[in-house]
Amino acid sequence: MTNAVRAAGIREVAALAGVAPSSVSRVLSEHPDVSAGMRERVRNAVAELGYQPNFLAQSLRRRTSFGVGLIVNAAGALFTDLVTGAELELRQAGYTLLLANDGGAPSADVELLRMMAHRRLDGVLLSLADERPEQMQRLLTELDLPVVLLDRDLDASVPVGRVLVDHAAGVSAGVGDLLDRGHRRLGLIGGPPLRPQRERWRGIVEAHEARGLKVTCDVETGPWSVEAAEEATRRLLARRRPPEALIAASAVSLVGVLQELRRSGLTVGQDVCVLSLYDSPLTQLSTPAISVVRHETARQGREAARMLIDMINGAQPSTVVLPTEFVKRDSCPCARRQAT
């Protein structure tokens, strides 16, 4: 009886969409060889009829789980928006998201990826805690499992998809604005030595070189935590010539920077400029509002999910690079030159 009801449902969708029942199945299974027009007609018919595909039956027939894993450091700044974007895209395609937190430990990445492969998930979205371990690179090469990296990079021989962010362009614009306002002593509160950190530093260098200036930016790196950012800010402020402008690489770093400035009796926009390389509600709620370099983290999740679904359906790994944007606010006025 269940099969009959399900078959009738597919026939009703097919009749309303004006396509064959097999075409409905191809659209619902995200088969890549489907025209955009057919896909739209079928999806509109599904929505109008309220049809619910039987994904359990499909998974048994296709030997798939309709499950996708996401391995990420839950302490990372982009965690919530990225997961939301990925989950919505996957749910629309009939997939369930299994979330795992690596806690920033490279060994956990390897263990979690093996576990997801053993559970026969259809694919994995992966934000590596470390891009260097050979064990992870061998595992990604050996596993017959579609994987998309989230703003991480590995050797080109590793068969994974990549959704990257063009940090360098946005940072170059933001730092260029600081330099054009007369600021010369900069301090970066960064994170682990991963692709985002490397690309942000490239943007800092490019901004200086474009103006014929020597790079004058002190760097403090560490884990993503408020406490680490506070300590990094404290060390920068204690230097003989402390920075005129502080650059916070993440939302949690920004919290640490602002807390340490308040503790030190310094005022943002008067005593020191602040530029955040990640947008969050805090940047606009602060007084003055914090200038930012931003990108759409929810879009990053959506793009990664779409790429992974395509790979599950037979597409080759590819690379997508998402743009960044500098938004100028009131936290970075022109420098007041003082005798040194």
C-alpha atoms as a PDB file:
ATOM      1  CA  MET A   1       0.000   0.000   0.000  1.00  0.00           C
ATOM      2  CA  THR A   2       2.804   2.389   0.875  1.00  0.00           C
ATOM      3  CA  ASN A   3       4.538   1.792  -2.473  1.00  0.00           C
ATOM      4  CA  ALA A   4       1.291   2.343  -4.346  1.00  0.00           C
ATOM      5  CA  VAL A   5       0.652   5.620  -2.567  1.00  0.00           C
ATOM      6  CA  ARG A   6       4.231   6.708  -3.245  1.00  0.00           C
ATOM      7  CA  ALA A   7       4.020   5.758  -6.925  1.00  0.00           C
ATOM      8  CA  ALA A   8       0.747   7.653  -7.281  1.00  0.00           C
ATOM      9  CA  GLY A   9       2.403  10.660  -5.713  1.00  0.00           C
ATOM     10  CA  ILE A  10       5.199  10.590  -8.263  1.00  0.00           C
ATOM     11  CA  ARG A  11       2.677  10.192 -11.106  1.00  0.00           C
ATOM     12  CA  GLU A  12       0.713  13.177  -9.818  1.00  0.00           C
ATOM     13  CA  VAL A  13       3.869  15.293  -9.649  1.00  0.00           C
ATOM     14  CA  ALA A  14       4.858  14.140 -13.138  1.00  0.00           C
ATOM     15  CA  ALA A  15       1.415  14.941 -14.580  1.00  0.00           C
ATOM     16  CA  LEU A  16       1.353  18.412 -13.038  1.00  0.00           C
ATOM     17  CA  ALA A  17       4.911  19.158 -14.191  1.00  0.00           C
ATOM     18  CA  GLY A  18       4.302  17.693 -17.660  1.00  0.00           C
ATOM     19  CA  VAL A  19       7.215  15.248 -17.449  1.00  0.00           C
ATOM     20  CA  ALA A  20       7.729  11.504 -17.135  1.00  0.00           C
ATOM     21  CA  PRO A  21       7.759   9.896 -13.644  1.00  0.00           C
ATOM     22  CA  SER A  22      11.385   8.911 -14.228  1.00  0.00           C
ATOM     23  CA  SER A  23      12.210  12.591 -14.715  1.00  0.00           C
ATOM     24  CA  VAL A  24      10.675  13.375 -11.326  1.00  0.00           C
ATOM     25  CA  SER A  25      12.934  10.774  -9.730  1.00  0.00           C
ATOM     26  CA  ARG A  26      15.980  12.243 -11.469  1.00  0.00           C
ATOM     27  CA  VAL A  27      15.183  15.723 -10.177  1.00  0.00           C
ATOM     28  CA  LEU A  28      14.526  14.510  -6.623  1.00  0.00           C
ATOM     29  CA  SER A  29      17.774  12.522  -6.591  1.00  0.00           C
ATOM     30  CA  GLU A  30      19.712  15.617  -7.745  1.00  0.00           C
ATOM     31  CA  HIS A  31      20.884  13.904 -10.936  1.00  0.00           C
ATOM     32  CA  PRO A  32      23.227  16.321 -12.767  1.00  0.00           C
ATOM     33  CA  ASP A  33      21.827  15.561 -16.242  1.00  0.00           C
ATOM     34  CA  VAL A  34      18.573  17.503 -15.780  1.00  0.00           C
ATOM     35  CA  SER A  35      17.697  20.780 -17.493  1.00  0.00           C
ATOM     36  CA  ALA A  36      17.059  23.865 -15.380  1.00  0.00           C
ATOM     37  CA  GLY A  37      13.553  24.194 -16.790  1.00  0.00           C
ATOM     38  CA  MET A  38      12.593  20.621 -15.930  1.00  0.00           C
ATOM     39  CA  ARG A  39      14.065  20.955 -12.455  1.00  0.00           C
ATOM     40  CA  GLU A  40      12.036  24.087 -11.804  1.00  0.00           C
ATOM     41  CA  ARG A  41       8.756  22.557 -13.084  1.00  0.00           C
ATOM     42  CA  VAL A  42       9.189  19.449 -10.943  1.00  0.00           C
ATOM     43  CA  ARG A  43      10.074  21.409  -7.816  1.00  0.00           C
ATOM     44  CA  ASN A  44       7.084  23.703  -8.319  1.00  0.00           C
ATOM     45  CA  ALA A  45       4.804  20.656  -8.689  1.00  0.00           C
ATOM     46  CA  VAL A  46       6.290  19.028  -5.579  1.00  0.00           C
ATOM     47  CA  ALA A  47       5.665  22.221  -3.590  1.00  0.00           C
ATOM     48  CA  GLU A  48       2.103  22.603  -4.890  1.00  0.00           C
ATOM     49  CA  LEU A  49       1.149  18.987  -4.147  1.00  0.00           C
ATOM     50  CA  GLY A  50       3.046  18.785  -0.859  1.00  0.00           C
ATOM     51  CA  TYR A  51       4.730  15.595  -2.048  1.00  0.00           C
ATOM     52  CA  GLN A  52       7.239  14.014   0.383  1.00  0.00           C
ATOM     53  CA  PRO A  53       9.810  11.677  -1.222  1.00  0.00           C
ATOM     54  CA  ASN A  54      10.504   8.420   0.603  1.00  0.00           C
ATOM     55  CA  PHE A  55      14.199   8.924   1.191  1.00  0.00           C
ATOM     56  CA  LEU A  56      14.520   5.707   3.186  1.00  0.00           C
ATOM     57  CA  ALA A  57      13.408   3.662   0.196  1.00  0.00           C
ATOM     58  CA  GLN A  58      15.683   5.674  -2.077  1.00  0.00           C
ATOM     59  CA  SER A  59      18.659   5.154   0.218  1.00  0.00           C
ATOM     60  CA  LEU A  60      18.139   1.385   0.286  1.00  0.00           C
ATOM     61  CA  ARG A  61      17.793   1.237  -3.491  1.00  0.00           C
ATOM     62  CA  ARG A  62      20.781   3.494  -4.210  1.00  0.00           C
ATOM     63  CA  ARG A  63      22.850   2.245  -1.250  1.00  0.00           C
ATOM     64  CA  THR A  64      23.271   5.768   0.042  1.00  0.00           C
ATOM     65  CA  SER A  65      22.591   7.186   3.499  1.00  0.00           C
ATOM     66  CA  PHE A  66      21.333  10.651   2.505  1.00  0.00           C
ATOM     67  CA  GLY A  67      23.617  11.786   5.283  1.00  0.00           C
ATOM     68  CA  VAL A  68      26.424  14.351   5.081  1.00  0.00           C
ATOM     69  CA  GLY A  69      29.035  15.101   7.737  1.00  0.00           C
ATOM     70  CA  LEU A  70      30.418  18.487   8.746  1.00  0.00           C
ATOM     71  CA  ILE A  71      33.672  18.611  10.719  1.00  0.00           C
ATOM     72  CA  VAL A  72      34.478  22.048  12.113  1.00  0.00           C
ATOM     73  CA  ASN A  73      35.941  23.765  15.149  1.00  0.00           C
ATOM     74  CA  ALA A  74      32.784  24.918  16.927  1.00  0.00           C
ATOM     75  CA  ALA A  75      34.751  27.731  18.594  1.00  0.00           C
ATOM     76  CA  GLY A  76      35.399  29.285  15.196  1.00  0.00           C
ATOM     77  CA  ALA A  77      33.817  32.628  14.460  1.00  0.00           C
ATOM     78  CA  LEU A  78      31.873  31.580  11.363  1.00  0.00           C
ATOM     79  CA  PHE A  79      30.394  28.418  12.882  1.00  0.00           C
ATOM     80  CA  THR A  80      26.687  29.335  13.212  1.00  0.00           C
ATOM     81  CA  ASP A  81      26.106  31.059   9.868  1.00  0.00           C
ATOM     82  CA  LEU A  82      28.128  28.491   7.936  1.00  0.00           C
ATOM     83  CA  VAL A  83      26.260  25.549   9.456  1.00  0.00           C
ATOM     84  CA  THR A  84      22.912  27.232   8.864  1.00  0.00           C
ATOM     85  CA  GLY A  85      23.680  27.870   5.200  1.00  0.00           C
ATOM     86  CA  ALA A  86      24.916  24.329   4.612  1.00  0.00           C
ATOM     87  CA  GLU A  87      22.069  22.660   6.509  1.00  0.00           C
ATOM     88  CA  LEU A  88      19.325  24.527   4.643  1.00  0.00           C
ATOM     89  CA  GLU A  89      20.822  23.644   1.264  1.00  0.00           C
ATOM     90  CA  LEU A  90      21.290  19.996   2.215  1.00  0.00           C
ATOM     91  CA  ARG A  91      17.815  19.661   3.707  1.00  0.00           C
ATOM     92  CA  GLN A  92      16.225  20.921   0.500  1.00  0.00           C
ATOM     93  CA  ALA A  93      18.043  18.134  -1.341  1.00  0.00           C
ATOM     94  CA  GLY A  94      16.889  15.512   1.165  1.00  0.00           C
ATOM     95  CA  TYR A  95      20.115  15.164   3.156  1.00  0.00           C
ATOM     96  CA  THR A  96      20.583  15.129   6.916  1.00  0.00           C
ATOM     97  CA  LEU A  97      23.601  16.900   8.406  1.00  0.00           C
ATOM     98  CA  LEU A  98      25.754  15.200  11.036  1.00  0.00           C
ATOM     99  CA  LEU A  99      27.827  17.800  12.879  1.00  0.00           C
ATOM    100  CA  ALA A 100      31.133  17.022  14.595  1.00  0.00           C
ATOM    101  CA  ASN A 101      33.402  19.368  16.550  1.00  0.00           C
ATOM    102  CA  ASP A 102      37.147  18.740  16.230  1.00  0.00           C
ATOM    103  CA  GLY A 103      37.979  21.194  19.018  1.00  0.00           C
ATOM    104  CA  GLY A 104      40.835  22.519  16.909  1.00  0.00           C
ATOM    105  CA  ALA A 105      42.736  19.214  17.156  1.00  0.00           C
ATOM    106  CA  PRO A 106      44.236  17.763  13.929  1.00  0.00           C
ATOM    107  CA  SER A 107      44.103  14.212  15.345  1.00  0.00           C
ATOM    108  CA  ALA A 108      40.362  14.623  15.882  1.00  0.00           C
ATOM    109  CA  ASP A 109      39.909  15.548  12.203  1.00  0.00           C
ATOM    110  CA  VAL A 110      41.426  12.210  11.136  1.00  0.00           C
ATOM    111  CA  GLU A 111      39.401  10.216  13.653  1.00  0.00           C
ATOM    112  CA  LEU A 112      36.121  11.939  12.786  1.00  0.00           C
ATOM    113  CA  LEU A 113      36.641  11.571   9.040  1.00  0.00           C
ATOM    114  CA  ARG A 114      37.315   7.837   9.442  1.00  0.00           C
ATOM    115  CA  MET A 115      34.192   7.505  11.590  1.00  0.00           C
ATOM    116  CA  MET A 116      32.038   9.237   8.986  1.00  0.00           C
ATOM    117  CA  ALA A 117      33.439   7.038   6.236  1.00  0.00           C
ATOM    118  CA  HIS A 118      32.675   3.905   8.298  1.00  0.00           C
ATOM    119  CA  ARG A 119      29.116   5.127   8.812  1.00  0.00           C
ATOM    120  CA  ARG A 120      28.832   5.331   5.022  1.00  0.00           C
ATOM    121  CA  LEU A 121      27.870   8.970   4.890  1.00  0.00           C
ATOM    122  CA  ASP A 122      27.538  10.260   1.335  1.00  0.00           C
ATOM    123  CA  GLY A 123      30.059  13.083   1.750  1.00  0.00           C
ATOM    124  CA  VAL A 124      31.797  15.399   4.204  1.00  0.00           C
ATOM    125  CA  LEU A 125      32.289  19.142   4.550  1.00  0.00           C
ATOM    126  CA  LEU A 126      35.641  19.650   6.250  1.00  0.00           C
ATOM    127  CA  SER A 127      37.258  22.612   8.004  1.00  0.00           C
ATOM    128  CA  LEU A 128      40.708  21.288   8.882  1.00  0.00           C
ATOM    129  CA  ALA A 129      42.397  22.235  12.141  1.00  0.00           C
ATOM    130  CA  ASP A 130      45.767  21.788  10.398  1.00  0.00           C
ATOM    131  CA  GLU A 131      46.537  21.626   6.669  1.00  0.00           C
ATOM    132  CA  ARG A 132      49.947  19.954   7.089  1.00  0.00           C
ATOM    133  CA  PRO A 133      49.469  16.417   8.505  1.00  0.00           C
ATOM    134  CA  GLU A 134      50.432  13.809   5.909  1.00  0.00           C
ATOM    135  CA  GLN A 135      48.061  11.315   7.543  1.00  0.00           C
ATOM    136  CA  MET A 136      45.044  13.459   6.634  1.00  0.00           C
ATOM    137  CA  GLN A 137      46.245  14.007   3.070  1.00  0.00           C
ATOM    138  CA  ARG A 138      46.755  10.249   2.593  1.00  0.00           C
ATOM    139  CA  LEU A 139      43.339   9.533   4.062  1.00  0.00           C
ATOM    140  CA  LEU A 140      41.603  11.991   1.742  1.00  0.00           C
ATOM    141  CA  THR A 141      43.382  10.411  -1.224  1.00  0.00           C
ATOM    142  CA  GLU A 142      42.529   6.838  -0.185  1.00  0.00           C
ATOM    143  CA  LEU A 143      38.885   7.295   0.821  1.00  0.00           C
ATOM    144  CA  ASP A 144      36.184   6.834  -1.790  1.00  0.00           C
ATOM    145  CA  LEU A 145      34.229   9.703  -0.240  1.00  0.00           C
ATOM    146  CA  PRO A 146      33.354  13.135  -1.662  1.00  0.00           C
ATOM    147  CA  VAL A 147      34.891  15.859   0.508  1.00  0.00           C
ATOM    148  CA  VAL A 148      34.699  19.652   0.241  1.00  0.00           C
ATOM    149  CA  LEU A 149      37.193  21.790   2.164  1.00  0.00           C
ATOM    150  CA  LEU A 150      35.916  24.942   3.854  1.00  0.00           C
ATOM    151  CA  ASP A 151      38.474  27.728   3.321  1.00  0.00           C
ATOM    152  CA  ARG A 152      41.363  25.294   3.633  1.00  0.00           C
ATOM    153  CA  ASP A 153      43.898  24.254   1.025  1.00  0.00           C
ATOM    154  CA  LEU A 154      45.913  21.128   0.391  1.00  0.00           C
ATOM    155  CA  ASP A 155      48.203  19.859  -2.328  1.00  0.00           C
ATOM    156  CA  ALA A 156      46.505  19.968  -5.732  1.00  0.00           C
ATOM    157  CA  SER A 157      46.846  16.185  -5.994  1.00  0.00           C
ATOM    158  CA  VAL A 158      44.351  15.659  -3.143  1.00  0.00           C
ATOM    159  CA  PRO A 159      40.954  15.015  -4.821  1.00  0.00           C
ATOM    160  CA  VAL A 160      38.713  17.359  -2.829  1.00  0.00           C
ATOM    161  CA  GLY A 161      36.462  20.277  -3.616  1.00  0.00           C
ATOM    162  CA  ARG A 162      37.344  23.688  -2.209  1.00  0.00           C
ATOM    163  CA  VAL A 163      35.188  26.660  -1.219  1.00  0.00           C
ATOM    164  CA  LEU A 164      37.645  29.453  -0.468  1.00  0.00           C
ATOM    165  CA  VAL A 165      37.357  33.090   0.603  1.00  0.00           C
ATOM    166  CA  ASP A 166      39.319  35.913  -1.034  1.00  0.00           C
ATOM    167  CA  HIS A 167      40.581  37.324   2.260  1.00  0.00           C
ATOM    168  CA  ALA A 168      43.526  39.097   0.649  1.00  0.00           C
ATOM    169  CA  ALA A 169      41.412  41.486  -1.424  1.00  0.00           C
ATOM    170  CA  GLY A 170      39.236  42.650   1.465  1.00  0.00           C
ATOM    171  CA  VAL A 171      42.144  42.957   3.892  1.00  0.00           C
ATOM    172  CA  SER A 172      44.174  44.891   1.330  1.00  0.00           C
ATOM    173  CA  ALA A 173      41.296  47.377   1.013  1.00  0.00           C
ATOM    174  CA  GLY A 174      40.830  47.690   4.780  1.00  0.00           C
ATOM    175  CA  VAL A 175      44.522  48.069   5.575  1.00  0.00           C
ATOM    176  CA  GLY A 176      44.902  50.410   2.616  1.00  0.00           C
ATOM    177  CA  ASP A 177      42.289  52.656   4.205  1.00  0.00           C
ATOM    178  CA  LEU A 178      44.282  52.684   7.463  1.00  0.00           C
ATOM    179  CA  LEU A 179      47.470  53.582   5.613  1.00  0.00           C
ATOM    180  CA  ASP A 180      45.738  56.303   3.599  1.00  0.00           C
ATOM    181  CA  ARG A 181      44.530  57.818   6.886  1.00  0.00           C
ATOM    182  CA  GLY A 182      48.108  58.079   8.060  1.00  0.00           C
ATOM    183  CA  HIS A 183      48.368  55.038  10.325  1.00  0.00           C
ATOM    184  CA  ARG A 184      51.707  53.280  10.103  1.00  0.00           C
ATOM    185  CA  ARG A 185      52.027  51.097  13.206  1.00  0.00           C
ATOM    186  CA  LEU A 186      49.560  48.220  12.906  1.00  0.00           C
ATOM    187  CA  GLY A 187      48.941  45.168  15.062  1.00  0.00           C
ATOM    188  CA  LEU A 188      47.242  41.958  13.899  1.00  0.00           C
ATOM    189  CA  ILE A 189      45.582  39.615  16.393  1.00  0.00           C
ATOM    190  CA  GLY A 190      45.419  36.500  14.229  1.00  0.00           C
ATOM    191  CA  GLY A 191      44.589  32.841  14.491  1.00  0.00           C
ATOM    192  CA  PRO A 192      46.173  29.478  13.694  1.00  0.00           C
ATOM    193  CA  PRO A 193      48.583  29.265  10.708  1.00  0.00           C
ATOM    194  CA  LEU A 194      45.952  28.209   8.181  1.00  0.00           C
ATOM    195  CA  ARG A 195      44.925  29.535   4.773  1.00  0.00           C
ATOM    196  CA  PRO A 196      42.850  32.483   6.105  1.00  0.00           C
ATOM    197  CA  GLN A 197      45.800  33.736   8.151  1.00  0.00           C
ATOM    198  CA  ARG A 198      48.179  33.415   5.195  1.00  0.00           C
ATOM    199  CA  GLU A 199      45.792  35.207   2.842  1.00  0.00           C
ATOM    200  CA  ARG A 200      45.136  38.022   5.311  1.00  0.00           C
ATOM    201  CA  TRP A 201      48.849  38.596   5.708  1.00  0.00           C
ATOM    202  CA  ARG A 202      49.178  38.683   1.919  1.00  0.00           C
ATOM    203  CA  GLY A 203      46.530  41.418   1.862  1.00  0.00           C
ATOM    204  CA  ILE A 204      48.454  43.421   4.469  1.00  0.00           C
ATOM    205  CA  VAL A 205      51.659  43.141   2.440  1.00  0.00           C
ATOM    206  CA  GLU A 206      49.902  44.076  -0.806  1.00  0.00           C
ATOM    207  CA  ALA A 207      48.371  47.191   0.771  1.00  0.00           C
ATOM    208  CA  HIS A 208      51.796  48.409   1.888  1.00  0.00           C
ATOM    209  CA  GLU A 209      53.515  47.566  -1.389  1.00  0.00           C
ATOM    210  CA  ALA A 210      50.826  49.359  -3.427  1.00  0.00           C
ATOM    211  CA  ARG A 211      51.754  52.562  -1.553  1.00  0.00           C
ATOM    212  CA  GLY A 212      55.492  52.044  -1.629  1.00  0.00           C
ATOM    213  CA  LEU A 213      55.606  51.533   2.144  1.00  0.00           C
ATOM    214  CA  LYS A 214      57.592  49.150   4.287  1.00  0.00           C
ATOM    215  CA  VAL A 215      55.368  46.634   6.088  1.00  0.00           C
ATOM    216  CA  THR A 216      55.006  47.814   9.685  1.00  0.00           C
ATOM    217  CA  CYS A 217      52.577  45.357  11.236  1.00  0.00           C
ATOM    218  CA  ASP A 218      53.263  43.368  14.390  1.00  0.00           C
ATOM    219  CA  VAL A 219      51.547  39.982  14.513  1.00  0.00           C
ATOM    220  CA  GLU A 220      50.287  37.978  17.482  1.00  0.00           C
ATOM    221  CA  THR A 221      48.743  34.599  16.723  1.00  0.00           C
ATOM    222  CA  GLY A 222      47.068  31.940  18.817  1.00  0.00           C
ATOM    223  CA  PRO A 223      43.921  29.861  19.274  1.00  0.00           C
ATOM    224  CA  TRP A 224      40.451  31.267  18.685  1.00  0.00           C
ATOM    225  CA  SER A 225      39.462  32.422  22.159  1.00  0.00           C
ATOM    226  CA  VAL A 226      38.647  35.660  23.928  1.00  0.00           C
ATOM    227  CA  GLU A 227      41.395  35.019  26.474  1.00  0.00           C
ATOM    228  CA  ALA A 228      44.044  34.483  23.788  1.00  0.00           C
ATOM    229  CA  ALA A 229      43.006  37.701  22.040  1.00  0.00           C
ATOM    230  CA  GLU A 230      43.159  39.628  25.321  1.00  0.00           C
ATOM    231  CA  GLU A 231      46.685  38.381  25.974  1.00  0.00           C
ATOM    232  CA  ALA A 232      47.750  39.161  22.397  1.00  0.00           C
ATOM    233  CA  THR A 233      46.348  42.692  22.647  1.00  0.00           C
ATOM    234  CA  ARG A 234      48.102  43.173  25.985  1.00  0.00           C
ATOM    235  CA  ARG A 235      51.432  42.185  24.460  1.00  0.00           C
ATOM    236  CA  LEU A 236      50.966  44.532  21.511  1.00  0.00           C
ATOM    237  CA  LEU A 237      50.046  47.471  23.732  1.00  0.00           C
ATOM    238  CA  ALA A 238      53.078  46.831  25.923  1.00  0.00           C
ATOM    239  CA  ARG A 239      55.537  47.324  23.066  1.00  0.00           C
ATOM    240  CA  ARG A 240      57.809  50.370  23.066  1.00  0.00           C
ATOM    241  CA  ARG A 241      55.881  51.733  20.096  1.00  0.00           C
ATOM    242  CA  PRO A 242      52.397  50.228  20.400  1.00  0.00           C
ATOM    243  CA  PRO A 243      50.122  49.969  17.355  1.00  0.00           C
ATOM    244  CA  GLU A 244      47.999  52.902  16.260  1.00  0.00           C
ATOM    245  CA  ALA A 245      45.504  50.435  14.783  1.00  0.00           C
ATOM    246  CA  LEU A 246      44.559  46.924  15.882  1.00  0.00           C
ATOM    247  CA  ILE A 247      43.247  44.330  13.422  1.00  0.00           C
ATOM    248  CA  ALA A 248      41.109  41.545  14.903  1.00  0.00           C
ATOM    249  CA  ALA A 249      40.960  38.439  12.692  1.00  0.00           C
ATOM    250  CA  SER A 250      37.717  36.974  14.077  1.00  0.00           C
ATOM    251  CA  ALA A 251      34.619  37.763  16.115  1.00  0.00           C
ATOM    252  CA  VAL A 252      36.037  36.196  19.274  1.00  0.00           C
ATOM    253  CA  SER A 253      39.319  38.052  18.702  1.00  0.00           C
ATOM    254  CA  LEU A 254      37.391  41.321  18.477  1.00  0.00           C
ATOM    255  CA  VAL A 255      35.756  40.678  21.854  1.00  0.00           C
ATOM    256  CA  GLY A 256      39.166  40.107  23.409  1.00  0.00           C
ATOM    257  CA  VAL A 257      40.591  43.240  21.788  1.00  0.00           C
ATOM    258  CA  LEU A 258      37.740  45.455  22.989  1.00  0.00           C
ATOM    259  CA  GLN A 259      37.846  44.044  26.508  1.00  0.00           C
ATOM    260  CA  GLU A 260      41.593  44.616  26.811  1.00  0.00           C
ATOM    261  CA  LEU A 261      41.313  48.163  25.446  1.00  0.00           C
ATOM    262  CA  ARG A 262      38.643  48.964  28.005  1.00  0.00           C
ATOM    263  CA  ARG A 263      40.757  47.426  30.756  1.00  0.00           C
ATOM    264  CA  SER A 264      43.682  49.606  29.617  1.00  0.00           C
ATOM    265  CA  GLY A 265      41.568  52.765  29.605  1.00  0.00           C
ATOM    266  CA  LEU A 266      41.897  53.250  25.843  1.00  0.00           C
ATOM    267  CA  THR A 267      39.042  54.492  23.657  1.00  0.00           C
ATOM    268  CA  VAL A 268      38.344  53.054  20.202  1.00  0.00           C
ATOM    269  CA  GLY A 269      38.465  55.741  17.546  1.00  0.00           C
ATOM    270  CA  GLN A 270      40.399  58.146  19.757  1.00  0.00           C
ATOM    271  CA  ASP A 271      43.366  56.358  21.286  1.00  0.00           C
ATOM    272  CA  VAL A 272      43.496  53.452  18.852  1.00  0.00           C
ATOM    273  CA  CYS A 273      41.737  52.359  15.659  1.00  0.00           C
ATOM    274  CA  VAL A 274      40.124  48.922  15.344  1.00  0.00           C
ATOM    275  CA  LEU A 275      39.472  46.935  12.167  1.00  0.00           C
ATOM    276  CA  SER A 276      37.671  43.598  12.332  1.00  0.00           C
ATOM    277  CA  LEU A 277      38.251  40.969   9.636  1.00  0.00           C
ATOM    278  CA  TYR A 278      34.942  39.307  10.448  1.00  0.00           C
ATOM    279  CA  ASP A 279      31.535  40.977  10.666  1.00  0.00           C
ATOM    280  CA  SER A 280      29.209  40.290  13.585  1.00  0.00           C
ATOM    281  CA  PRO A 281      26.448  42.173  15.447  1.00  0.00           C
ATOM    282  CA  LEU A 282      29.108  43.445  17.853  1.00  0.00           C
ATOM    283  CA  THR A 283      30.771  45.511  15.121  1.00  0.00           C
ATOM    284  CA  GLN A 284      27.648  47.634  14.688  1.00  0.00           C
ATOM    285  CA  LEU A 285      26.579  47.684  18.341  1.00  0.00           C
ATOM    286  CA  SER A 286      29.947  49.034  19.463  1.00  0.00           C
ATOM    287  CA  THR A 287      30.439  52.765  19.896  1.00  0.00           C
ATOM    288  CA  PRO A 288      31.858  53.805  17.540  1.00  0.00           C
ATOM    289  CA  ALA A 289      30.836  51.141  15.010  1.00  0.00           C
ATOM    290  CA  ILE A 290      33.772  48.956  13.954  1.00  0.00           C
ATOM    291  CA  SER A 291      35.082  48.969  10.374  1.00  0.00           C
ATOM    292  CA  VAL A 292      35.026  45.442   8.945  1.00  0.00           C
ATOM    293  CA  VAL A 293      36.154  43.158   6.161  1.00  0.00           C
ATOM    294  CA  ARG A 294      33.237  40.826   5.630  1.00  0.00           C
ATOM    295  CA  HIS A 295      32.081  37.906   3.545  1.00  0.00           C
ATOM    296  CA  GLU A 296      28.853  35.920   3.484  1.00  0.00           C
ATOM    297  CA  THR A 297      29.520  32.915   5.701  1.00  0.00           C
ATOM    298  CA  ALA A 298      26.028  31.524   5.118  1.00  0.00           C
ATOM    299  CA  ARG A 299      26.735  31.644   1.383  1.00  0.00           C
ATOM    300  CA  GLN A 300      29.980  29.785   2.037  1.00  0.00           C
ATOM    301  CA  GLY A 301      27.969  26.991   3.643  1.00  0.00           C
ATOM    302  CA  ARG A 302      25.460  26.947   0.798  1.00  0.00           C
ATOM    303  CA  GLU A 303      28.124  26.844  -1.910  1.00  0.00           C
ATOM    304  CA  ALA A 304      29.968  24.037  -0.140  1.00  0.00           C
ATOM    305  CA  ALA A 305      26.767  22.021   0.240  1.00  0.00           C
ATOM    306  CA  ARG A 306      25.881  22.465  -3.443  1.00  0.00           C
ATOM    307  CA  MET A 307      29.360  21.427  -4.525  1.00  0.00           C
ATOM    308  CA  LEU A 308      29.237  18.358  -2.291  1.00  0.00           C
ATOM    309  CA  ILE A 309      25.830  17.302  -3.648  1.00  0.00           C
ATOM    310  CA  ASP A 310      27.180  17.639  -7.196  1.00  0.00           C
ATOM    311  CA  MET A 311      30.197  15.496  -6.278  1.00  0.00           C
ATOM    312  CA  ILE A 312      27.946  12.868  -4.676  1.00  0.00           C
ATOM    313  CA  ASN A 313      26.118  12.730  -8.007  1.00  0.00           C
ATOM    314  CA  GLY A 314      29.322  12.201  -9.970  1.00  0.00           C
ATOM    315  CA  ALA A 315      30.745  15.672 -10.606  1.00  0.00           C
ATOM    316  CA  GLN A 316      34.492  16.253 -10.355  1.00  0.00           C
ATOM    317  CA  PRO A 317      35.917  18.346  -7.493  1.00  0.00           C
ATOM    318  CA  SER A 318      36.148  22.051  -8.251  1.00  0.00           C
ATOM    319  CA  THR A 319      37.154  25.297  -6.565  1.00  0.00           C
ATOM    320  CA  VAL A 320      34.963  28.309  -5.768  1.00  0.00           C
ATOM    321  CA  VAL A 321      36.404  31.568  -4.422  1.00  0.00           C
ATOM    322  CA  LEU A 322      33.982  33.896  -2.627  1.00  0.00           C
ATOM    323  CA  PRO A 323      34.528  37.677  -2.471  1.00  0.00           C
ATOM    324  CA  THR A 324      35.155  39.884   0.549  1.00  0.00           C
ATOM    325  CA  GLU A 325      34.108  43.489   1.094  1.00  0.00           C
ATOM    326  CA  PHE A 326      35.602  46.309   3.169  1.00  0.00           C
ATOM    327  CA  VAL A 327      32.987  48.359   5.046  1.00  0.00           C
ATOM    328  CA  LYS A 328      34.284  51.652   6.441  1.00  0.00           C
ATOM    329  CA  ARG A 329      32.784  52.783   9.746  1.00  0.00           C
ATOM    330  CA  ASP A 330      33.773  55.185  12.514  1.00  0.00           C
ATOM    331  CA  SER A 331      36.393  53.168  14.412  1.00  0.00           C
ATOM    332  CA  CYS A 332      39.270  54.272  12.176  1.00  0.00           C
ATOM    333  CA  PRO A 333      39.644  58.073  11.966  1.00  0.00           C
ATOM    334  CA  CYS A 334      42.684  59.761  10.501  1.00  0.00           C
ATOM    335  CA  ALA A 335      45.904  59.432  12.465  1.00  0.00           C
ATOM    336  CA  ARG A 336      47.002  62.179  14.794  1.00  0.00           C
ATOM    337  CA  ARG A 337      50.749  62.399  14.251  1.00  0.00           C
ATOM    338  CA  GLN A 338      52.709  62.605  17.481  1.00  0.00           C
ATOM    339  CA  ALA A 339      56.367  63.143  18.166  1.00  0.00           C
ATOM    340  CA  THR A 340      58.236  59.874  18.640  1.00  0.00           C
END
